[in-house]
Amino acid sequence: MLKKRIIPCLDIKDGRTVKGINFVDIQDAGDPIDLARNYVKQGADELVFLDITATIENRSTLIELVKKIAEEINIPFTVGGGINSVEDVAKLIDAGADKVSINSSAVKRPALITEIANQFGSQCIVVAIDTKFEDNEWQVFVHGGRTLTPLKTVCWAKKAEQLGAGEILLTSMNNDGTKAGFAIEITNEVSTAINIPVIASGGAGSKEHFKNVFEQTKTTGGLAASIFHYGEIPIPELKNYLKEQHIAIR
């Protein structure tokens, strides 16, 4: 069984780490390089960097910032935002990313998943799915949660796996920033339907929320932002708690 991973997420806007609630009401959360350095010290298993306005602003990811963060850390580093081609991925890997995360570009042109997997290996490609419960079903959104697509969440996760994705980063927009807990139901549905690792994202507010998502779903990673950025739950404390709950943690 894969050991569970604790993954802080740096949402980046204008070179700063930010955090919102339900994908809006964005607030500053600090310097990304300082935060990244601190997460390595605290024992984070991986780090995710998402340039949250790259797609909306129709530009590529902030390469120089990726490079600076990569120089400061020694844990797996996933970078997303504004990735539209194999060439974009090559630049990010050259800058120090271990994996890339694609969302809107994968929905727009699903073949991109296969192209990246063929060039760099499936382990390099994370398909991020922003999902929202609307009209009695979980649906996929793109463009930073602004645009509804015709895709249903579980079907899209299965398709992404078939196309070569090595991992799914599943964010519940309903839960995002609320600190009310992860979206257990859809996380369980997705992690049961596919055979690649799933990272749960959106809603973490307590140590118990991580325990619940790890015990009640097959997800292998728990991602959070504000509770780590603002020091509400130190990562060593969270890991010790999970070990006490007999959850296999890295």
C-alpha atoms as a PDB file:
ATOM      1  CA  MET A   1       0.000   0.000   0.000  1.00  0.00           C
ATOM      2  CA  LEU A   2       1.256   3.487  -0.871  1.00  0.00           C
ATOM      3  CA  LYS A   3       2.106   5.564   2.166  1.00  0.00           C
ATOM      4  CA  LYS A   4       0.114   8.769   2.510  1.00  0.00           C
ATOM      5  CA  ARG A   5       1.666  12.099   1.551  1.00  0.00           C
ATOM      6  CA  ILE A   6       1.246  15.554   3.070  1.00  0.00           C
ATOM      7  CA  ILE A   7       1.509  18.191   0.338  1.00  0.00           C
ATOM      8  CA  PRO A   8       1.486  21.967   0.810  1.00  0.00           C
ATOM      9  CA  CYS A   9       0.291  23.994  -2.186  1.00  0.00           C
ATOM     10  CA  LEU A  10       1.624  27.362  -3.264  1.00  0.00           C
ATOM     11  CA  ASP A  11      -1.043  29.189  -5.290  1.00  0.00           C
ATOM     12  CA  ILE A  12       0.905  31.948  -7.047  1.00  0.00           C
ATOM     13  CA  LYS A  13      -0.404  35.295  -8.303  1.00  0.00           C
ATOM     14  CA  ASP A  14       1.915  38.147  -9.331  1.00  0.00           C
ATOM     15  CA  GLY A  15       4.876  36.289  -7.801  1.00  0.00           C
ATOM     16  CA  ARG A  16       3.285  35.999  -4.347  1.00  0.00           C
ATOM     17  CA  THR A  17       1.618  33.078  -2.568  1.00  0.00           C
ATOM     18  CA  VAL A  18      -2.128  33.699  -2.241  1.00  0.00           C
ATOM     19  CA  LYS A  19      -5.149  31.899  -0.844  1.00  0.00           C
ATOM     20  CA  GLY A  20      -8.861  32.246  -1.549  1.00  0.00           C
ATOM     21  CA  ILE A  21     -12.180  30.715  -0.538  1.00  0.00           C
ATOM     22  CA  ASN A  22     -14.185  28.807  -3.168  1.00  0.00           C
ATOM     23  CA  PHE A  23     -11.654  30.090  -5.749  1.00  0.00           C
ATOM     24  CA  VAL A  24     -12.442  33.786  -5.005  1.00  0.00           C
ATOM     25  CA  ASP A  25     -11.639  36.417  -2.331  1.00  0.00           C
ATOM     26  CA  ILE A  26      -7.877  36.039  -2.884  1.00  0.00           C
ATOM     27  CA  GLN A  27      -5.586  37.139  -0.008  1.00  0.00           C
ATOM     28  CA  ASP A  28      -1.792  37.380   0.248  1.00  0.00           C
ATOM     29  CA  ALA A  29      -0.158  34.463   2.103  1.00  0.00           C
ATOM     30  CA  GLY A  30       3.549  35.234   1.882  1.00  0.00           C
ATOM     31  CA  ASP A  31       6.755  34.831  -0.089  1.00  0.00           C
ATOM     32  CA  PRO A  32       6.782  31.523  -2.004  1.00  0.00           C
ATOM     33  CA  ILE A  33      10.536  30.944  -1.644  1.00  0.00           C
ATOM     34  CA  ASP A  34      10.428  31.408   2.151  1.00  0.00           C
ATOM     35  CA  LEU A  35       7.393  29.143   2.404  1.00  0.00           C
ATOM     36  CA  ALA A  36       8.972  26.439   0.224  1.00  0.00           C
ATOM     37  CA  ARG A  37      12.159  26.462   2.303  1.00  0.00           C
ATOM     38  CA  ASN A  38      10.114  26.173   5.485  1.00  0.00           C
ATOM     39  CA  TYR A  39       8.058  23.241   4.165  1.00  0.00           C
ATOM     40  CA  VAL A  40      11.195  21.224   3.459  1.00  0.00           C
ATOM     41  CA  LYS A  41      12.351  21.828   7.050  1.00  0.00           C
ATOM     42  CA  GLN A  42       8.949  20.769   8.368  1.00  0.00           C
ATOM     43  CA  GLY A  43       9.041  17.450   6.491  1.00  0.00           C
ATOM     44  CA  ALA A  44       6.525  18.010   3.692  1.00  0.00           C
ATOM     45  CA  ASP A  45       6.519  15.049   1.299  1.00  0.00           C
ATOM     46  CA  GLU A  46       6.031  17.078  -1.877  1.00  0.00           C
ATOM     47  CA  LEU A  47       5.351  20.647  -2.945  1.00  0.00           C
ATOM     48  CA  VAL A  48       2.828  21.871  -5.527  1.00  0.00           C
ATOM     49  CA  PHE A  49       3.190  25.262  -7.262  1.00  0.00           C
ATOM     50  CA  LEU A  50       0.158  26.516  -9.194  1.00  0.00           C
ATOM     51  CA  ASP A  51       0.369  29.751 -11.162  1.00  0.00           C
ATOM     52  CA  ILE A  52      -3.354  30.402 -10.777  1.00  0.00           C
ATOM     53  CA  THR A  53      -3.716  33.251 -13.284  1.00  0.00           C
ATOM     54  CA  ALA A  54      -1.412  32.001 -16.081  1.00  0.00           C
ATOM     55  CA  THR A  55      -4.250  30.408 -18.073  1.00  0.00           C
ATOM     56  CA  ILE A  56      -6.634  33.341 -17.587  1.00  0.00           C
ATOM     57  CA  GLU A  57      -3.914  35.835 -18.550  1.00  0.00           C
ATOM     58  CA  ASN A  58      -2.919  33.605 -21.503  1.00  0.00           C
ATOM     59  CA  ARG A  59       0.763  33.408 -20.573  1.00  0.00           C
ATOM     60  CA  SER A  60       3.248  30.741 -19.567  1.00  0.00           C
ATOM     61  CA  THR A  61       4.209  29.827 -15.995  1.00  0.00           C
ATOM     62  CA  LEU A  62       6.663  31.994 -14.054  1.00  0.00           C
ATOM     63  CA  ILE A  63       9.835  30.065 -14.986  1.00  0.00           C
ATOM     64  CA  GLU A  64      12.310  32.170 -12.981  1.00  0.00           C
ATOM     65  CA  LEU A  65      10.301  31.749  -9.794  1.00  0.00           C
ATOM     66  CA  VAL A  66      10.074  27.983 -10.394  1.00  0.00           C
ATOM     67  CA  LYS A  67      13.863  27.897 -10.797  1.00  0.00           C
ATOM     68  CA  LYS A  68      14.447  29.811  -7.547  1.00  0.00           C
ATOM     69  CA  ILE A  69      12.124  27.533  -5.565  1.00  0.00           C
ATOM     70  CA  ALA A  70      13.626  24.364  -7.097  1.00  0.00           C
ATOM     71  CA  GLU A  71      17.089  25.484  -5.959  1.00  0.00           C
ATOM     72  CA  GLU A  72      15.837  25.702  -2.359  1.00  0.00           C
ATOM     73  CA  ILE A  73      14.070  22.340  -2.043  1.00  0.00           C
ATOM     74  CA  ASN A  74      14.919  18.628  -2.243  1.00  0.00           C
ATOM     75  CA  ILE A  75      11.416  17.104  -2.338  1.00  0.00           C
ATOM     76  CA  PRO A  76       9.265  16.255  -5.392  1.00  0.00           C
ATOM     77  CA  PHE A  77       8.061  19.480  -6.981  1.00  0.00           C
ATOM     78  CA  THR A  78       4.923  19.728  -9.152  1.00  0.00           C
ATOM     79  CA  VAL A  79       4.317  22.872 -11.206  1.00  0.00           C
ATOM     80  CA  GLY A  80       1.102  23.910 -12.969  1.00  0.00           C
ATOM     81  CA  GLY A  81      -0.468  26.879 -14.700  1.00  0.00           C
ATOM     82  CA  GLY A  82      -0.389  27.966 -18.342  1.00  0.00           C
ATOM     83  CA  ILE A  83       1.109  24.720 -19.689  1.00  0.00           C
ATOM     84  CA  ASN A  84      -0.038  24.153 -23.276  1.00  0.00           C
ATOM     85  CA  SER A  85       2.656  22.081 -24.974  1.00  0.00           C
ATOM     86  CA  VAL A  86       5.452  19.547 -24.589  1.00  0.00           C
ATOM     87  CA  GLU A  87       7.850  22.490 -25.011  1.00  0.00           C
ATOM     88  CA  ASP A  88       6.330  24.231 -21.973  1.00  0.00           C
ATOM     89  CA  VAL A  89       6.885  21.063 -19.947  1.00  0.00           C
ATOM     90  CA  ALA A  90      10.516  20.776 -21.098  1.00  0.00           C
ATOM     91  CA  LYS A  91      11.184  24.344 -19.906  1.00  0.00           C
ATOM     92  CA  LEU A  92       9.686  23.641 -16.481  1.00  0.00           C
ATOM     93  CA  ILE A  93      11.630  20.400 -16.045  1.00  0.00           C
ATOM     94  CA  ASP A  94      14.800  22.268 -17.037  1.00  0.00           C
ATOM     95  CA  ALA A  95      13.895  24.842 -14.377  1.00  0.00           C
ATOM     96  CA  GLY A  96      13.689  22.106 -11.725  1.00  0.00           C
ATOM     97  CA  ALA A  97      10.113  20.758 -11.739  1.00  0.00           C
ATOM     98  CA  ASP A  98       9.764  16.989 -11.203  1.00  0.00           C
ATOM     99  CA  LYS A  99       6.144  16.840 -12.374  1.00  0.00           C
ATOM    100  CA  VAL A 100       3.744  19.133 -14.193  1.00  0.00           C
ATOM    101  CA  SER A 101       0.064  19.671 -13.542  1.00  0.00           C
ATOM    102  CA  ILE A 102      -2.322  20.478 -16.386  1.00  0.00           C
ATOM    103  CA  ASN A 103      -5.999  21.307 -16.154  1.00  0.00           C
ATOM    104  CA  SER A 104      -7.650  23.629 -18.717  1.00  0.00           C
ATOM    105  CA  SER A 105      -5.224  22.633 -21.481  1.00  0.00           C
ATOM    106  CA  ALA A 106      -5.963  18.926 -20.902  1.00  0.00           C
ATOM    107  CA  VAL A 107      -9.714  19.514 -21.208  1.00  0.00           C
ATOM    108  CA  LYS A 108      -9.230  21.651 -24.316  1.00  0.00           C
ATOM    109  CA  ARG A 109      -6.897  19.128 -25.985  1.00  0.00           C
ATOM    110  CA  PRO A 110      -6.826  15.742 -24.201  1.00  0.00           C
ATOM    111  CA  ALA A 111      -4.077  14.447 -26.548  1.00  0.00           C
ATOM    112  CA  LEU A 112      -1.667  16.733 -24.648  1.00  0.00           C
ATOM    113  CA  ILE A 113      -1.773  14.261 -21.729  1.00  0.00           C
ATOM    114  CA  THR A 114      -0.514  11.476 -24.006  1.00  0.00           C
ATOM    115  CA  GLU A 115       2.102  13.685 -25.639  1.00  0.00           C
ATOM    116  CA  ILE A 116       3.595  14.646 -22.250  1.00  0.00           C
ATOM    117  CA  ALA A 117       3.432  11.056 -20.971  1.00  0.00           C
ATOM    118  CA  ASN A 118       5.163   9.745 -24.118  1.00  0.00           C
ATOM    119  CA  GLN A 119       7.922  12.331 -23.882  1.00  0.00           C
ATOM    120  CA  PHE A 120       8.588  12.399 -20.140  1.00  0.00           C
ATOM    121  CA  GLY A 121       6.797   9.355 -18.672  1.00  0.00           C
ATOM    122  CA  SER A 122       3.413   9.065 -16.964  1.00  0.00           C
ATOM    123  CA  GLN A 123       5.003   9.761 -13.578  1.00  0.00           C
ATOM    124  CA  CYS A 124       5.639  13.319 -14.791  1.00  0.00           C
ATOM    125  CA  ILE A 125       2.039  14.200 -15.648  1.00  0.00           C
ATOM    126  CA  VAL A 126      -0.572  15.205 -13.063  1.00  0.00           C
ATOM    127  CA  VAL A 127      -4.038  16.030 -14.339  1.00  0.00           C
ATOM    128  CA  ALA A 128      -5.678  18.566 -12.040  1.00  0.00           C
ATOM    129  CA  ILE A 129      -9.465  18.433 -11.872  1.00  0.00           C
ATOM    130  CA  ASP A 130     -11.400  21.348 -10.391  1.00  0.00           C
ATOM    131  CA  THR A 131     -14.834  19.985  -9.581  1.00  0.00           C
ATOM    132  CA  LYS A 132     -18.030  21.471  -8.239  1.00  0.00           C
ATOM    133  CA  PHE A 133     -21.301  19.871  -7.140  1.00  0.00           C
ATOM    134  CA  GLU A 134     -23.951  21.551  -9.278  1.00  0.00           C
ATOM    135  CA  ASP A 135     -27.329  20.385 -10.570  1.00  0.00           C
ATOM    136  CA  ASN A 136     -27.036  17.256  -8.450  1.00  0.00           C
ATOM    137  CA  GLU A 137     -23.744  16.030  -9.911  1.00  0.00           C
ATOM    138  CA  TRP A 138     -20.001  16.662  -9.753  1.00  0.00           C
ATOM    139  CA  GLN A 139     -18.912  18.604 -12.818  1.00  0.00           C
ATOM    140  CA  VAL A 140     -15.530  19.729 -14.164  1.00  0.00           C
ATOM    141  CA  PHE A 141     -14.586  23.421 -14.345  1.00  0.00           C
ATOM    142  CA  VAL A 142     -11.646  25.115 -16.095  1.00  0.00           C
ATOM    143  CA  HIS A 143     -10.000  28.573 -16.273  1.00  0.00           C
ATOM    144  CA  GLY A 144      -9.403  28.763 -12.524  1.00  0.00           C
ATOM    145  CA  GLY A 145     -12.913  27.568 -11.732  1.00  0.00           C
ATOM    146  CA  ARG A 146     -14.578  30.186 -13.937  1.00  0.00           C
ATOM    147  CA  THR A 147     -15.871  28.000 -16.768  1.00  0.00           C
ATOM    148  CA  LEU A 148     -18.188  24.979 -16.566  1.00  0.00           C
ATOM    149  CA  THR A 149     -17.428  22.143 -18.999  1.00  0.00           C
ATOM    150  CA  PRO A 150     -19.725  19.308 -20.165  1.00  0.00           C
ATOM    151  CA  LEU A 151     -17.425  16.797 -18.438  1.00  0.00           C
ATOM    152  CA  LYS A 152     -18.480  14.713 -15.452  1.00  0.00           C
ATOM    153  CA  THR A 153     -15.762  14.339 -12.860  1.00  0.00           C
ATOM    154  CA  VAL A 154     -15.403  10.556 -12.525  1.00  0.00           C
ATOM    155  CA  CYS A 155     -15.605  10.023 -16.307  1.00  0.00           C
ATOM    156  CA  TRP A 156     -12.926  12.657 -16.914  1.00  0.00           C
ATOM    157  CA  ALA A 157     -10.619  11.117 -14.279  1.00  0.00           C
ATOM    158  CA  LYS A 158     -10.945   7.715 -15.987  1.00  0.00           C
ATOM    159  CA  LYS A 159     -10.265   9.252 -19.399  1.00  0.00           C
ATOM    160  CA  ALA A 160      -7.192  11.105 -18.069  1.00  0.00           C
ATOM    161  CA  GLU A 161      -5.810   7.817 -16.741  1.00  0.00           C
ATOM    162  CA  GLN A 162      -6.413   6.082 -20.092  1.00  0.00           C
ATOM    163  CA  LEU A 163      -4.598   8.917 -21.898  1.00  0.00           C
ATOM    164  CA  GLY A 164      -1.494   8.503 -19.745  1.00  0.00           C
ATOM    165  CA  ALA A 165      -1.892  10.628 -16.599  1.00  0.00           C
ATOM    166  CA  GLY A 166       0.187   9.341 -13.691  1.00  0.00           C
ATOM    167  CA  GLU A 167      -1.786  11.096 -10.985  1.00  0.00           C
ATOM    168  CA  ILE A 168      -4.971  13.116 -10.391  1.00  0.00           C
ATOM    169  CA  LEU A 169      -5.095  16.268  -8.274  1.00  0.00           C
ATOM    170  CA  LEU A 170      -8.765  16.560  -7.322  1.00  0.00           C
ATOM    171  CA  THR A 171      -9.949  19.884  -5.907  1.00  0.00           C
ATOM    172  CA  SER A 172     -13.493  20.377  -4.657  1.00  0.00           C
ATOM    173  CA  MET A 173     -14.462  23.972  -5.372  1.00  0.00           C
ATOM    174  CA  ASN A 174     -17.351  23.675  -2.914  1.00  0.00           C
ATOM    175  CA  ASN A 175     -14.915  22.872  -0.106  1.00  0.00           C
ATOM    176  CA  ASP A 176     -11.952  25.022  -1.173  1.00  0.00           C
ATOM    177  CA  GLY A 177     -10.799  27.375   1.599  1.00  0.00           C
ATOM    178  CA  THR A 178     -13.781  26.566   3.838  1.00  0.00           C
ATOM    179  CA  LYS A 179     -11.770  24.467   6.351  1.00  0.00           C
ATOM    180  CA  ALA A 180     -14.883  22.296   6.674  1.00  0.00           C
ATOM    181  CA  GLY A 181     -13.170  19.092   5.504  1.00  0.00           C
ATOM    182  CA  PHE A 182     -12.354  17.390   2.214  1.00  0.00           C
ATOM    183  CA  ALA A 183     -15.148  16.334  -0.180  1.00  0.00           C
ATOM    184  CA  ILE A 184     -15.132  12.688   0.895  1.00  0.00           C
ATOM    185  CA  GLU A 185     -17.844  11.437  -1.451  1.00  0.00           C
ATOM    186  CA  ILE A 186     -16.345  12.558  -4.769  1.00  0.00           C
ATOM    187  CA  THR A 187     -12.786  11.840  -3.599  1.00  0.00           C
ATOM    188  CA  ASN A 188     -13.857   8.290  -2.804  1.00  0.00           C
ATOM    189  CA  GLU A 189     -15.656   7.905  -6.143  1.00  0.00           C
ATOM    190  CA  VAL A 190     -12.657   9.087  -8.141  1.00  0.00           C
ATOM    191  CA  SER A 191      -9.996   7.205  -6.148  1.00  0.00           C
ATOM    192  CA  THR A 192     -12.034   3.987  -6.399  1.00  0.00           C
ATOM    193  CA  ALA A 193     -12.691   4.362 -10.145  1.00  0.00           C
ATOM    194  CA  ILE A 194      -9.044   4.660 -11.224  1.00  0.00           C
ATOM    195  CA  ASN A 195      -5.735   2.895 -10.552  1.00  0.00           C
ATOM    196  CA  ILE A 196      -3.415   5.902 -10.337  1.00  0.00           C
ATOM    197  CA  PRO A 197      -2.772   7.968  -7.188  1.00  0.00           C
ATOM    198  CA  VAL A 198      -5.235  10.698  -6.250  1.00  0.00           C
ATOM    199  CA  ILE A 199      -4.375  13.820  -4.251  1.00  0.00           C
ATOM    200  CA  ALA A 200      -7.333  15.255  -2.325  1.00  0.00           C
ATOM    201  CA  SER A 201      -7.540  19.040  -2.253  1.00  0.00           C
ATOM    202  CA  GLY A 202      -9.968  21.610  -0.905  1.00  0.00           C
ATOM    203  CA  GLY A 203     -11.361  22.022   2.587  1.00  0.00           C
ATOM    204  CA  ALA A 204      -8.637  20.895   5.003  1.00  0.00           C
ATOM    205  CA  GLY A 205      -9.081  22.664   8.329  1.00  0.00           C
ATOM    206  CA  SER A 206      -8.049  20.157  10.990  1.00  0.00           C
ATOM    207  CA  LYS A 207      -5.867  17.104  11.555  1.00  0.00           C
ATOM    208  CA  GLU A 208      -9.044  15.005  11.689  1.00  0.00           C
ATOM    209  CA  HIS A 209      -9.904  16.035   8.134  1.00  0.00           C
ATOM    210  CA  PHE A 210      -6.708  14.347   6.884  1.00  0.00           C
ATOM    211  CA  LYS A 211      -7.468  11.259   8.971  1.00  0.00           C
ATOM    212  CA  ASN A 212     -10.995  11.098   7.514  1.00  0.00           C
ATOM    213  CA  VAL A 213      -9.930  11.427   3.875  1.00  0.00           C
ATOM    214  CA  PHE A 214      -7.170   8.833   4.270  1.00  0.00           C
ATOM    215  CA  GLU A 215      -9.410   6.357   6.106  1.00  0.00           C
ATOM    216  CA  GLN A 216     -12.570   6.816   4.035  1.00  0.00           C
ATOM    217  CA  THR A 217     -11.096   7.034   0.522  1.00  0.00           C
ATOM    218  CA  LYS A 218      -8.227   5.501  -1.446  1.00  0.00           C
ATOM    219  CA  THR A 219      -6.512   8.851  -1.884  1.00  0.00           C
ATOM    220  CA  THR A 220      -2.759   8.776  -1.273  1.00  0.00           C
ATOM    221  CA  GLY A 221      -2.120  12.498  -0.814  1.00  0.00           C
ATOM    222  CA  GLY A 222      -3.676  15.296   1.207  1.00  0.00           C
ATOM    223  CA  LEU A 223      -3.049  18.794  -0.140  1.00  0.00           C
ATOM    224  CA  ALA A 224      -3.659  22.019   1.764  1.00  0.00           C
ATOM    225  CA  ALA A 225      -2.613  25.643   1.666  1.00  0.00           C
ATOM    226  CA  SER A 226      -3.772  28.194   4.246  1.00  0.00           C
ATOM    227  CA  ILE A 227      -3.560  25.924   7.305  1.00  0.00           C
ATOM    228  CA  PHE A 228       0.111  25.363   6.473  1.00  0.00           C
ATOM    229  CA  HIS A 229       0.922  28.895   5.235  1.00  0.00           C
ATOM    230  CA  TYR A 230      -0.430  30.541   8.389  1.00  0.00           C
ATOM    231  CA  GLY A 231       1.028  27.945  10.770  1.00  0.00           C
ATOM    232  CA  GLU A 232      -2.375  26.708  11.963  1.00  0.00           C
ATOM    233  CA  ILE A 233      -1.284  23.065  11.663  1.00  0.00           C
ATOM    234  CA  PRO A 234       2.480  22.438  11.641  1.00  0.00           C
ATOM    235  CA  ILE A 235       3.313  19.518   9.332  1.00  0.00           C
ATOM    236  CA  PRO A 236       5.340  17.570  11.979  1.00  0.00           C
ATOM    237  CA  GLU A 237       2.371  17.776  14.357  1.00  0.00           C
ATOM    238  CA  LEU A 238       0.000  16.548  11.628  1.00  0.00           C
ATOM    239  CA  LYS A 239       2.274  13.635  10.722  1.00  0.00           C
ATOM    240  CA  ASN A 240       2.663  12.571  14.368  1.00  0.00           C
ATOM    241  CA  TYR A 241      -1.105  12.670  14.820  1.00  0.00           C
ATOM    242  CA  LEU A 242      -1.676  10.506  11.724  1.00  0.00           C
ATOM    243  CA  LYS A 243       0.940   7.994  12.894  1.00  0.00           C
ATOM    244  CA  GLU A 244      -0.868   7.787  16.242  1.00  0.00           C
ATOM    245  CA  GLN A 245      -4.047   7.001  14.267  1.00  0.00           C
ATOM    246  CA  HIS A 246      -2.159   4.078  12.624  1.00  0.00           C
ATOM    247  CA  ILE A 247      -2.174   5.724   9.194  1.00  0.00           C
ATOM    248  CA  ALA A 248       0.924   4.817   7.166  1.00  0.00           C
ATOM    249  CA  ILE A 249       2.565   8.152   6.490  1.00  0.00           C
ATOM    250  CA  ARG A 250       5.821   8.960   4.720  1.00  0.00           C
END
